[in-house]
Amino acid sequence: MNVLTYFKTVIVLVLLSSVGSSLLLAEDAVALKVGDAAPTFFLRDLEGENFFLSRSLKEERPIVLSFFANWCIPCRTEIPNYEKMFTQDQYADVELIYIHVSEPRQPADYTGTDVMLIQRVMMDWGMTHPVLYDRYGVVAEKYNATSLPTSVVIAPDGTIKYYHKGYNEGDEKELGIILSKILGEK
């Protein structure tokens, strides 16, 4: 086998394994929809503090989960728009939580390089709200966040009121309408 044939074979195998694991993740993921109960979870923030969704729900205020990754190009637009939106007084009773998702095939280093990278991203992108670290992608899988960004609004009663994958300019306006409705119901 010559070197060119060998490299072609390796590339094909890598591509097939990548597609196969993506298909497995998509097949195993549960499709969430508006009205479903939000899956509970536990993660740590970048300082190592515990976060339990069930505890936050006891505060009886809406929660916005924004799944993102440092390599996600649309996230670089969505996050500054969310930061601007959530500085407005009308959203003071809403808890915005970012969830950084590591790539499933990439080993994660919770105590070192990964945390420093995420902290640098937070500074570069102007992030002021809490960031949780989903280093193994378990919570992203529970929420079927197979493409990033993914935004989820959870009402105080624990039901999903908004579920959106990807980002298009103006998505925050739709999010604002949903949140205003929830806040009006309180």
N, C-alpha and C. Protein backbone atom coordinates (compact mmCIF):
# COMPACT_ATOMS: atom_id res chain seq x y z
N MET A 1 0.86 -1.17 0.00
CA MET A 1 0.00 0.00 0.00
C MET A 1 0.90 1.24 0.00
N ASN A 2 0.69 2.13 -0.97
CA ASN A 2 1.52 3.32 -1.00
C ASN A 2 1.01 4.35 0.01
N VAL A 3 1.79 5.38 0.24
CA VAL A 3 1.50 6.38 1.27
C VAL A 3 0.20 7.12 0.95
N LEU A 4 -0.04 7.47 -0.30
CA LEU A 4 -1.25 8.19 -0.68
C LEU A 4 -2.50 7.36 -0.40
N THR A 5 -2.48 6.11 -0.75
CA THR A 5 -3.62 5.22 -0.48
C THR A 5 -3.85 5.08 1.02
N TYR A 6 -2.78 4.97 1.77
CA TYR A 6 -2.88 4.86 3.23
C TYR A 6 -3.58 6.10 3.81
N PHE A 7 -3.14 7.29 3.41
CA PHE A 7 -3.74 8.53 3.93
C PHE A 7 -5.20 8.67 3.51
N LYS A 8 -5.52 8.28 2.29
CA LYS A 8 -6.92 8.31 1.85
C LYS A 8 -7.77 7.40 2.72
N THR A 9 -7.26 6.22 3.01
CA THR A 9 -7.99 5.26 3.85
C THR A 9 -8.20 5.82 5.25
N VAL A 10 -7.18 6.41 5.82
CA VAL A 10 -7.28 7.00 7.16
C VAL A 10 -8.31 8.12 7.18
N ILE A 11 -8.28 8.97 6.19
CA ILE A 11 -9.24 10.09 6.12
C ILE A 11 -10.66 9.57 6.01
N VAL A 12 -10.89 8.58 5.18
CA VAL A 12 -12.23 8.00 5.02
C VAL A 12 -12.69 7.40 6.35
N LEU A 13 -11.83 6.68 7.03
CA LEU A 13 -12.19 6.06 8.32
C LEU A 13 -12.52 7.13 9.37
N VAL A 14 -11.74 8.19 9.40
CA VAL A 14 -12.00 9.28 10.35
C VAL A 14 -13.35 9.93 10.05
N LEU A 15 -13.62 10.20 8.79
CA LEU A 15 -14.89 10.80 8.41
C LEU A 15 -16.06 9.89 8.75
N LEU A 16 -15.92 8.62 8.46
CA LEU A 16 -17.00 7.67 8.77
C LEU A 16 -17.24 7.56 10.26
N SER A 17 -16.19 7.54 11.05
CA SER A 17 -16.39 7.45 12.50
C SER A 17 -17.02 8.72 13.03
N SER A 18 -16.65 9.85 12.47
CA SER A 18 -17.25 11.12 12.90
C SER A 18 -18.73 11.16 12.57
N VAL A 19 -19.09 10.79 11.35
CA VAL A 19 -20.49 10.78 10.95
C VAL A 19 -21.26 9.76 11.77
N GLY A 20 -20.67 8.60 11.98
CA GLY A 20 -21.33 7.55 12.76
C GLY A 20 -21.62 7.98 14.17
N SER A 21 -20.67 8.62 14.85
CA SER A 21 -20.91 9.04 16.22
C SER A 21 -21.92 10.18 16.26
N SER A 22 -21.93 11.03 15.25
CA SER A 22 -22.94 12.09 15.20
C SER A 22 -24.33 11.49 15.04
N LEU A 23 -24.43 10.47 14.19
CA LEU A 23 -25.72 9.83 13.99
C LEU A 23 -26.18 9.13 15.27
N LEU A 24 -25.25 8.52 15.98
CA LEU A 24 -25.61 7.87 17.24
C LEU A 24 -26.12 8.89 18.25
N LEU A 25 -25.42 10.02 18.35
CA LEU A 25 -25.87 11.05 19.28
C LEU A 25 -27.25 11.55 18.90
N ALA A 26 -27.47 11.80 17.61
CA ALA A 26 -28.75 12.32 17.17
C ALA A 26 -29.86 11.28 17.37
N GLU A 27 -29.53 10.02 17.15
CA GLU A 27 -30.54 8.97 17.30
C GLU A 27 -30.93 8.78 18.76
N ASP A 28 -29.94 8.85 19.66
CA ASP A 28 -30.20 8.63 21.08
C ASP A 28 -30.83 9.85 21.75
N ALA A 29 -30.70 11.02 21.16
CA ALA A 29 -31.20 12.24 21.78
C ALA A 29 -32.73 12.27 21.75
N VAL A 30 -33.28 12.77 22.83
CA VAL A 30 -34.72 12.89 22.94
C VAL A 30 -35.10 14.27 22.42
N ALA A 31 -36.05 14.32 21.51
CA ALA A 31 -36.49 15.61 20.97
C ALA A 31 -37.35 16.32 22.01
N LEU A 32 -36.91 17.48 22.44
CA LEU A 32 -37.67 18.29 23.38
C LEU A 32 -38.57 19.23 22.61
N LYS A 33 -39.70 19.55 23.21
CA LYS A 33 -40.60 20.51 22.57
C LYS A 33 -41.21 21.40 23.63
N VAL A 34 -41.75 22.49 23.17
CA VAL A 34 -42.42 23.43 24.06
C VAL A 34 -43.54 22.69 24.79
N GLY A 35 -43.60 22.90 26.10
CA GLY A 35 -44.59 22.24 26.93
C GLY A 35 -44.04 21.06 27.72
N ASP A 36 -42.90 20.50 27.28
CA ASP A 36 -42.27 19.40 28.01
C ASP A 36 -41.67 19.90 29.31
N ALA A 37 -41.53 19.01 30.26
CA ALA A 37 -40.81 19.33 31.49
C ALA A 37 -39.32 19.42 31.16
N ALA A 38 -38.67 20.44 31.68
CA ALA A 38 -37.24 20.61 31.43
C ALA A 38 -36.47 19.53 32.18
N PRO A 39 -35.56 18.85 31.50
CA PRO A 39 -34.74 17.85 32.20
C PRO A 39 -33.88 18.53 33.27
N THR A 40 -33.86 17.96 34.46
CA THR A 40 -33.03 18.53 35.51
C THR A 40 -31.59 18.11 35.29
N PHE A 41 -30.68 18.89 35.85
CA PHE A 41 -29.27 18.58 35.70
C PHE A 41 -28.46 19.26 36.79
N PHE A 42 -27.24 18.81 36.89
CA PHE A 42 -26.24 19.37 37.80
C PHE A 42 -24.99 19.61 36.98
N LEU A 43 -24.42 20.80 37.08
CA LEU A 43 -23.13 21.12 36.47
C LEU A 43 -22.36 22.00 37.43
N ARG A 44 -21.12 22.26 37.09
CA ARG A 44 -20.30 23.19 37.87
C ARG A 44 -20.01 24.41 37.04
N ASP A 45 -19.86 25.53 37.74
CA ASP A 45 -19.45 26.74 37.03
C ASP A 45 -17.92 26.73 36.92
N LEU A 46 -17.37 27.79 36.40
CA LEU A 46 -15.92 27.81 36.14
C LEU A 46 -15.09 27.90 37.41
N GLU A 47 -15.73 28.27 38.52
CA GLU A 47 -15.03 28.31 39.81
C GLU A 47 -15.18 27.00 40.56
N GLY A 48 -15.89 26.05 39.96
CA GLY A 48 -16.09 24.75 40.59
C GLY A 48 -17.30 24.68 41.50
N GLU A 49 -18.12 25.75 41.53
CA GLU A 49 -19.32 25.76 42.37
C GLU A 49 -20.43 24.95 41.69
N ASN A 50 -21.21 24.26 42.51
CA ASN A 50 -22.30 23.42 42.00
C ASN A 50 -23.49 24.26 41.58
N PHE A 51 -24.11 23.85 40.49
CA PHE A 51 -25.37 24.44 40.04
C PHE A 51 -26.35 23.31 39.82
N PHE A 52 -27.52 23.41 40.47
CA PHE A 52 -28.59 22.45 40.28
C PHE A 52 -29.78 23.19 39.68
N LEU A 53 -30.27 22.75 38.53
CA LEU A 53 -31.42 23.39 37.93
C LEU A 53 -32.61 23.36 38.89
N SER A 54 -32.78 22.27 39.60
CA SER A 54 -33.92 22.15 40.52
C SER A 54 -33.90 23.25 41.58
N ARG A 55 -32.73 23.64 42.05
CA ARG A 55 -32.64 24.74 43.03
C ARG A 55 -33.03 26.07 42.41
N SER A 56 -32.57 26.31 41.20
CA SER A 56 -32.90 27.58 40.53
C SER A 56 -34.39 27.68 40.26
N LEU A 57 -35.02 26.56 39.94
CA LEU A 57 -36.46 26.58 39.68
C LEU A 57 -37.25 26.96 40.94
N LYS A 58 -36.71 26.69 42.10
CA LYS A 58 -37.38 27.05 43.35
C LYS A 58 -37.48 28.57 43.53
N GLU A 59 -36.65 29.31 42.81
CA GLU A 59 -36.70 30.77 42.89
C GLU A 59 -37.88 31.34 42.11
N GLU A 60 -38.58 30.47 41.40
CA GLU A 60 -39.79 30.82 40.66
C GLU A 60 -39.62 32.01 39.72
N ARG A 61 -38.58 31.92 38.91
CA ARG A 61 -38.37 32.92 37.87
C ARG A 61 -37.93 32.20 36.60
N PRO A 62 -38.18 32.82 35.45
CA PRO A 62 -37.79 32.16 34.19
C PRO A 62 -36.28 31.99 34.09
N ILE A 63 -35.89 30.93 33.43
CA ILE A 63 -34.47 30.64 33.21
C ILE A 63 -34.24 30.49 31.71
N VAL A 64 -33.21 31.13 31.22
CA VAL A 64 -32.80 30.97 29.82
C VAL A 64 -31.47 30.22 29.84
N LEU A 65 -31.44 29.08 29.16
CA LEU A 65 -30.21 28.32 28.98
C LEU A 65 -29.71 28.60 27.57
N SER A 66 -28.46 28.99 27.46
CA SER A 66 -27.86 29.24 26.16
C SER A 66 -26.65 28.33 26.01
N PHE A 67 -26.80 27.27 25.20
CA PHE A 67 -25.71 26.34 24.96
C PHE A 67 -24.79 26.94 23.88
N PHE A 68 -23.49 26.95 24.17
CA PHE A 68 -22.54 27.56 23.23
C PHE A 68 -21.20 26.82 23.32
N ALA A 69 -20.30 27.15 22.41
CA ALA A 69 -18.92 26.68 22.45
C ALA A 69 -18.02 27.77 21.91
N ASN A 70 -16.79 27.76 22.34
CA ASN A 70 -15.85 28.80 21.91
C ASN A 70 -15.60 28.78 20.41
N TRP A 71 -15.77 27.64 19.75
CA TRP A 71 -15.53 27.53 18.32
C TRP A 71 -16.77 27.83 17.47
N CYS A 72 -17.89 28.11 18.12
CA CYS A 72 -19.18 28.31 17.44
C CYS A 72 -19.27 29.74 16.89
N ILE A 73 -19.28 29.87 15.59
CA ILE A 73 -19.32 31.20 14.95
C ILE A 73 -20.64 31.93 15.24
N PRO A 74 -21.83 31.31 15.07
CA PRO A 74 -23.07 32.04 15.38
C PRO A 74 -23.18 32.45 16.86
N CYS A 75 -22.54 31.69 17.74
CA CYS A 75 -22.56 32.04 19.17
C CYS A 75 -21.90 33.39 19.41
N ARG A 76 -20.92 33.73 18.59
CA ARG A 76 -20.20 35.00 18.75
C ARG A 76 -21.10 36.20 18.46
N THR A 77 -22.18 35.97 17.74
CA THR A 77 -23.15 37.03 17.48
C THR A 77 -24.28 36.98 18.51
N GLU A 78 -24.76 35.79 18.80
CA GLU A 78 -25.89 35.64 19.72
C GLU A 78 -25.55 36.15 21.12
N ILE A 79 -24.40 35.76 21.65
CA ILE A 79 -24.08 36.08 23.05
C ILE A 79 -24.01 37.58 23.30
N PRO A 80 -23.32 38.39 22.50
CA PRO A 80 -23.35 39.83 22.76
C PRO A 80 -24.77 40.42 22.67
N ASN A 81 -25.60 39.87 21.78
CA ASN A 81 -26.98 40.34 21.69
C ASN A 81 -27.76 39.97 22.95
N TYR A 82 -27.53 38.77 23.48
CA TYR A 82 -28.17 38.37 24.74
C TYR A 82 -27.67 39.25 25.88
N GLU A 83 -26.38 39.53 25.91
CA GLU A 83 -25.84 40.39 26.98
C GLU A 83 -26.51 41.76 26.95
N LYS A 84 -26.65 42.31 25.77
CA LYS A 84 -27.31 43.62 25.63
C LYS A 84 -28.77 43.52 26.08
N MET A 85 -29.46 42.48 25.66
CA MET A 85 -30.87 42.29 25.99
C MET A 85 -31.07 42.16 27.50
N PHE A 86 -30.23 41.38 28.15
CA PHE A 86 -30.43 41.07 29.56
C PHE A 86 -29.90 42.15 30.51
N THR A 87 -29.43 43.26 29.97
CA THR A 87 -29.11 44.41 30.83
C THR A 87 -30.34 45.30 31.00
N GLN A 88 -31.37 45.05 30.21
CA GLN A 88 -32.60 45.85 30.30
C GLN A 88 -33.38 45.47 31.56
N ASP A 89 -33.94 46.48 32.21
CA ASP A 89 -34.68 46.28 33.47
C ASP A 89 -35.81 45.28 33.34
N GLN A 90 -36.47 45.23 32.20
CA GLN A 90 -37.63 44.34 32.05
C GLN A 90 -37.26 42.87 32.17
N TYR A 91 -35.96 42.55 32.05
CA TYR A 91 -35.52 41.16 32.16
C TYR A 91 -34.74 40.90 33.45
N ALA A 92 -34.85 41.80 34.41
CA ALA A 92 -34.12 41.67 35.67
C ALA A 92 -34.52 40.41 36.44
N ASP A 93 -35.73 39.93 36.26
CA ASP A 93 -36.20 38.73 36.97
C ASP A 93 -35.96 37.44 36.19
N VAL A 94 -35.17 37.52 35.13
CA VAL A 94 -34.86 36.34 34.32
C VAL A 94 -33.42 35.93 34.60
N GLU A 95 -33.22 34.63 34.78
CA GLU A 95 -31.87 34.11 35.01
C GLU A 95 -31.32 33.58 33.69
N LEU A 96 -30.26 34.22 33.19
CA LEU A 96 -29.58 33.78 31.97
C LEU A 96 -28.37 32.95 32.38
N ILE A 97 -28.30 31.75 31.85
CA ILE A 97 -27.20 30.85 32.17
C ILE A 97 -26.62 30.33 30.86
N TYR A 98 -25.33 30.54 30.70
CA TYR A 98 -24.63 29.99 29.55
C TYR A 98 -24.09 28.62 29.91
N ILE A 99 -24.13 27.71 28.94
CA ILE A 99 -23.57 26.38 29.15
C ILE A 99 -22.56 26.11 28.04
N HIS A 100 -21.28 26.09 28.41
CA HIS A 100 -20.23 25.79 27.43
C HIS A 100 -20.18 24.28 27.22
N VAL A 101 -20.28 23.88 25.97
CA VAL A 101 -20.31 22.47 25.62
C VAL A 101 -18.98 22.10 24.98
N SER A 102 -18.29 21.13 25.58
CA SER A 102 -17.06 20.62 24.98
C SER A 102 -17.43 19.63 23.89
N GLU A 103 -16.55 19.49 22.95
CA GLU A 103 -16.79 18.51 21.89
C GLU A 103 -16.69 17.12 22.50
N PRO A 104 -17.65 16.23 22.20
CA PRO A 104 -17.66 14.90 22.82
C PRO A 104 -16.38 14.10 22.58
N ARG A 105 -15.76 14.27 21.45
CA ARG A 105 -14.57 13.48 21.14
C ARG A 105 -13.30 14.15 21.63
N GLN A 106 -13.41 15.33 22.24
CA GLN A 106 -12.25 16.06 22.69
C GLN A 106 -12.09 15.88 24.20
N PRO A 107 -10.93 15.42 24.67
CA PRO A 107 -10.77 15.29 26.12
C PRO A 107 -10.85 16.65 26.79
N ALA A 108 -11.52 16.71 27.91
CA ALA A 108 -11.70 17.98 28.62
C ALA A 108 -10.82 18.02 29.85
N ASP A 109 -10.31 19.20 30.14
CA ASP A 109 -9.46 19.42 31.30
C ASP A 109 -10.14 20.46 32.17
N TYR A 110 -10.92 20.00 33.14
CA TYR A 110 -11.76 20.91 33.93
C TYR A 110 -10.94 21.89 34.75
N THR A 111 -9.79 21.48 35.22
CA THR A 111 -9.05 22.32 36.15
C THR A 111 -8.02 23.21 35.49
N GLY A 112 -7.83 23.09 34.22
CA GLY A 112 -6.73 23.84 33.61
C GLY A 112 -7.08 24.59 32.37
N THR A 113 -6.54 24.12 31.27
CA THR A 113 -6.60 24.81 30.00
C THR A 113 -8.01 25.16 29.55
N ASP A 114 -8.94 24.23 29.65
CA ASP A 114 -10.31 24.48 29.18
C ASP A 114 -10.95 25.64 29.93
N VAL A 115 -10.82 25.66 31.24
CA VAL A 115 -11.42 26.72 32.04
C VAL A 115 -10.81 28.06 31.67
N MET A 116 -9.50 28.11 31.50
CA MET A 116 -8.84 29.37 31.12
C MET A 116 -9.29 29.83 29.75
N LEU A 117 -9.47 28.90 28.83
CA LEU A 117 -9.96 29.24 27.49
C LEU A 117 -11.36 29.82 27.56
N ILE A 118 -12.23 29.19 28.34
CA ILE A 118 -13.61 29.67 28.47
C ILE A 118 -13.62 31.05 29.14
N GLN A 119 -12.78 31.25 30.14
CA GLN A 119 -12.70 32.56 30.80
C GLN A 119 -12.22 33.63 29.82
N ARG A 120 -11.30 33.28 28.95
CA ARG A 120 -10.84 34.23 27.94
C ARG A 120 -11.96 34.56 26.96
N VAL A 121 -12.72 33.54 26.56
CA VAL A 121 -13.87 33.74 25.67
C VAL A 121 -14.88 34.66 26.36
N MET A 122 -15.13 34.43 27.65
CA MET A 122 -16.06 35.28 28.39
C MET A 122 -15.64 36.75 28.33
N MET A 123 -14.36 36.99 28.52
CA MET A 123 -13.86 38.38 28.45
C MET A 123 -13.98 38.93 27.04
N ASP A 124 -13.55 38.15 26.05
CA ASP A 124 -13.57 38.60 24.66
C ASP A 124 -14.98 38.88 24.16
N TRP A 125 -15.95 38.08 24.59
CA TRP A 125 -17.33 38.20 24.13
C TRP A 125 -18.19 39.06 25.05
N GLY A 126 -17.61 39.58 26.13
CA GLY A 126 -18.35 40.46 27.04
C GLY A 126 -19.41 39.74 27.85
N MET A 127 -19.14 38.49 28.23
CA MET A 127 -20.13 37.70 28.97
C MET A 127 -20.09 38.06 30.46
N THR A 128 -21.25 38.42 31.00
CA THR A 128 -21.33 38.80 32.41
C THR A 128 -22.20 37.86 33.23
N HIS A 129 -22.88 36.94 32.59
CA HIS A 129 -23.77 36.00 33.28
C HIS A 129 -23.04 34.69 33.55
N PRO A 130 -23.56 33.88 34.46
CA PRO A 130 -22.87 32.64 34.83
C PRO A 130 -22.66 31.70 33.64
N VAL A 131 -21.51 31.04 33.67
CA VAL A 131 -21.18 30.04 32.66
C VAL A 131 -20.96 28.71 33.37
N LEU A 132 -21.70 27.72 32.93
CA LEU A 132 -21.53 26.35 33.42
C LEU A 132 -20.73 25.58 32.39
N TYR A 133 -20.02 24.57 32.86
CA TYR A 133 -19.12 23.82 31.99
C TYR A 133 -19.65 22.39 31.82
N ASP A 134 -20.17 22.11 30.63
CA ASP A 134 -20.68 20.78 30.29
C ASP A 134 -19.55 20.03 29.59
N ARG A 135 -18.57 19.63 30.36
CA ARG A 135 -17.33 19.11 29.77
C ARG A 135 -17.50 17.81 29.02
N TYR A 136 -18.51 17.03 29.34
CA TYR A 136 -18.74 15.77 28.62
C TYR A 136 -19.94 15.83 27.69
N GLY A 137 -20.61 16.97 27.62
CA GLY A 137 -21.76 17.13 26.73
C GLY A 137 -23.01 16.41 27.20
N VAL A 138 -23.07 16.01 28.47
CA VAL A 138 -24.20 15.24 28.98
C VAL A 138 -25.48 16.09 29.02
N VAL A 139 -25.36 17.33 29.49
CA VAL A 139 -26.54 18.19 29.56
C VAL A 139 -26.97 18.60 28.15
N ALA A 140 -26.02 18.87 27.29
CA ALA A 140 -26.34 19.19 25.89
C ALA A 140 -27.11 18.04 25.25
N GLU A 141 -26.72 16.82 25.59
CA GLU A 141 -27.42 15.66 25.06
C GLU A 141 -28.84 15.58 25.62
N LYS A 142 -29.01 15.84 26.92
CA LYS A 142 -30.35 15.83 27.53
C LYS A 142 -31.27 16.83 26.86
N TYR A 143 -30.70 17.97 26.45
CA TYR A 143 -31.48 19.04 25.83
C TYR A 143 -31.43 18.97 24.30
N ASN A 144 -30.85 17.92 23.77
CA ASN A 144 -30.75 17.73 22.33
C ASN A 144 -30.13 18.94 21.64
N ALA A 145 -29.12 19.50 22.30
CA ALA A 145 -28.41 20.66 21.73
C ALA A 145 -27.34 20.13 20.79
N THR A 146 -27.78 19.56 19.68
CA THR A 146 -26.86 18.95 18.72
C THR A 146 -26.25 19.96 17.77
N SER A 147 -26.83 21.14 17.71
CA SER A 147 -26.22 22.23 16.95
C SER A 147 -26.21 23.45 17.87
N LEU A 148 -25.20 24.27 17.69
CA LEU A 148 -25.04 25.43 18.56
C LEU A 148 -25.13 26.72 17.75
N PRO A 149 -25.61 27.76 18.38
CA PRO A 149 -26.15 27.81 19.73
C PRO A 149 -27.53 27.16 19.80
N THR A 150 -27.91 26.75 21.00
CA THR A 150 -29.27 26.30 21.29
C THR A 150 -29.75 27.08 22.50
N SER A 151 -30.93 27.67 22.39
CA SER A 151 -31.51 28.44 23.49
C SER A 151 -32.78 27.77 23.97
N VAL A 152 -32.94 27.73 25.30
CA VAL A 152 -34.10 27.11 25.92
C VAL A 152 -34.61 28.04 27.01
N VAL A 153 -35.90 28.31 27.00
CA VAL A 153 -36.52 29.09 28.07
C VAL A 153 -37.33 28.13 28.93
N ILE A 154 -37.06 28.18 30.23
CA ILE A 154 -37.78 27.34 31.18
C ILE A 154 -38.61 28.26 32.07
N ALA A 155 -39.92 28.01 32.10
CA ALA A 155 -40.83 28.80 32.93
C ALA A 155 -40.63 28.43 34.40
N PRO A 156 -41.12 29.27 35.31
CA PRO A 156 -40.98 28.97 36.74
C PRO A 156 -41.57 27.63 37.15
N ASP A 157 -42.54 27.13 36.40
CA ASP A 157 -43.13 25.82 36.75
C ASP A 157 -42.31 24.65 36.20
N GLY A 158 -41.19 24.94 35.54
CA GLY A 158 -40.30 23.89 35.04
C GLY A 158 -40.60 23.40 33.65
N THR A 159 -41.53 24.03 32.94
CA THR A 159 -41.84 23.61 31.57
C THR A 159 -41.06 24.45 30.57
N ILE A 160 -40.78 23.83 29.45
CA ILE A 160 -40.07 24.52 28.37
C ILE A 160 -41.08 25.39 27.62
N LYS A 161 -40.75 26.67 27.50
CA LYS A 161 -41.63 27.62 26.80
C LYS A 161 -41.06 28.05 25.45
N TYR A 162 -39.77 27.80 25.24
CA TYR A 162 -39.11 28.20 23.99
C TYR A 162 -37.93 27.28 23.80
N TYR A 163 -37.76 26.80 22.56
CA TYR A 163 -36.65 25.92 22.24
C TYR A 163 -36.20 26.28 20.83
N HIS A 164 -34.94 26.69 20.69
CA HIS A 164 -34.49 27.17 19.39
C HIS A 164 -33.04 26.78 19.15
N LYS A 165 -32.79 26.17 17.99
CA LYS A 165 -31.43 25.83 17.58
C LYS A 165 -30.94 26.83 16.55
N GLY A 166 -29.67 27.19 16.65
CA GLY A 166 -29.08 28.11 15.69
C GLY A 166 -29.33 29.55 16.09
N TYR A 167 -28.83 30.46 15.25
CA TYR A 167 -29.06 31.87 15.51
C TYR A 167 -29.21 32.61 14.19
N ASN A 168 -30.25 33.43 14.14
CA ASN A 168 -30.46 34.37 13.04
C ASN A 168 -30.66 35.74 13.66
N GLU A 169 -30.20 36.76 12.98
CA GLU A 169 -30.36 38.12 13.47
C GLU A 169 -31.83 38.36 13.82
N GLY A 170 -32.08 38.84 15.01
CA GLY A 170 -33.44 39.13 15.44
C GLY A 170 -34.07 38.04 16.29
N ASP A 171 -33.40 36.91 16.47
CA ASP A 171 -33.95 35.84 17.31
C ASP A 171 -34.23 36.32 18.73
N GLU A 172 -33.43 37.27 19.20
CA GLU A 172 -33.63 37.77 20.57
C GLU A 172 -34.97 38.51 20.71
N LYS A 173 -35.51 39.02 19.61
CA LYS A 173 -36.83 39.66 19.68
C LYS A 173 -37.92 38.63 19.99
N GLU A 174 -37.84 37.47 19.33
CA GLU A 174 -38.79 36.39 19.62
C GLU A 174 -38.63 35.92 21.06
N LEU A 175 -37.40 35.81 21.50
CA LEU A 175 -37.12 35.42 22.89
C LEU A 175 -37.72 36.44 23.85
N GLY A 176 -37.58 37.72 23.54
CA GLY A 176 -38.14 38.78 24.37
C GLY A 176 -39.66 38.69 24.49
N ILE A 177 -40.33 38.35 23.40
CA ILE A 177 -41.79 38.21 23.42
C ILE A 177 -42.19 37.07 24.35
N ILE A 178 -41.49 35.95 24.24
CA ILE A 178 -41.78 34.79 25.11
C ILE A 178 -41.55 35.15 26.57
N LEU A 179 -40.43 35.80 26.87
CA LEU A 179 -40.12 36.16 28.26
C LEU A 179 -41.12 37.17 28.81
N SER A 180 -41.52 38.15 28.01
CA SER A 180 -42.51 39.14 28.47
C SER A 180 -43.82 38.46 28.83
N LYS A 181 -44.20 37.48 28.02
CA LYS A 181 -45.44 36.74 28.30
C LYS A 181 -45.32 35.98 29.63
N ILE A 182 -44.20 35.30 29.82
CA ILE A 182 -43.98 34.55 31.07
C ILE A 182 -43.96 35.49 32.27
N LEU A 183 -43.26 36.61 32.13
CA LEU A 183 -43.16 37.56 33.24
C LEU A 183 -44.51 38.18 33.55
N GLY A 184 -45.36 38.34 32.52
CA GLY A 184 -46.70 38.87 32.73
C GLY A 184 -47.62 37.91 33.45
N GLU A 185 -47.31 36.61 33.36
CA GLU A 185 -48.11 35.58 34.01
C GLU A 185 -47.77 35.41 35.47
N LYS A 186 -46.63 35.91 35.87
CA LYS A 186 -46.19 35.73 37.27
C LYS A 186 -47.07 36.45 38.25
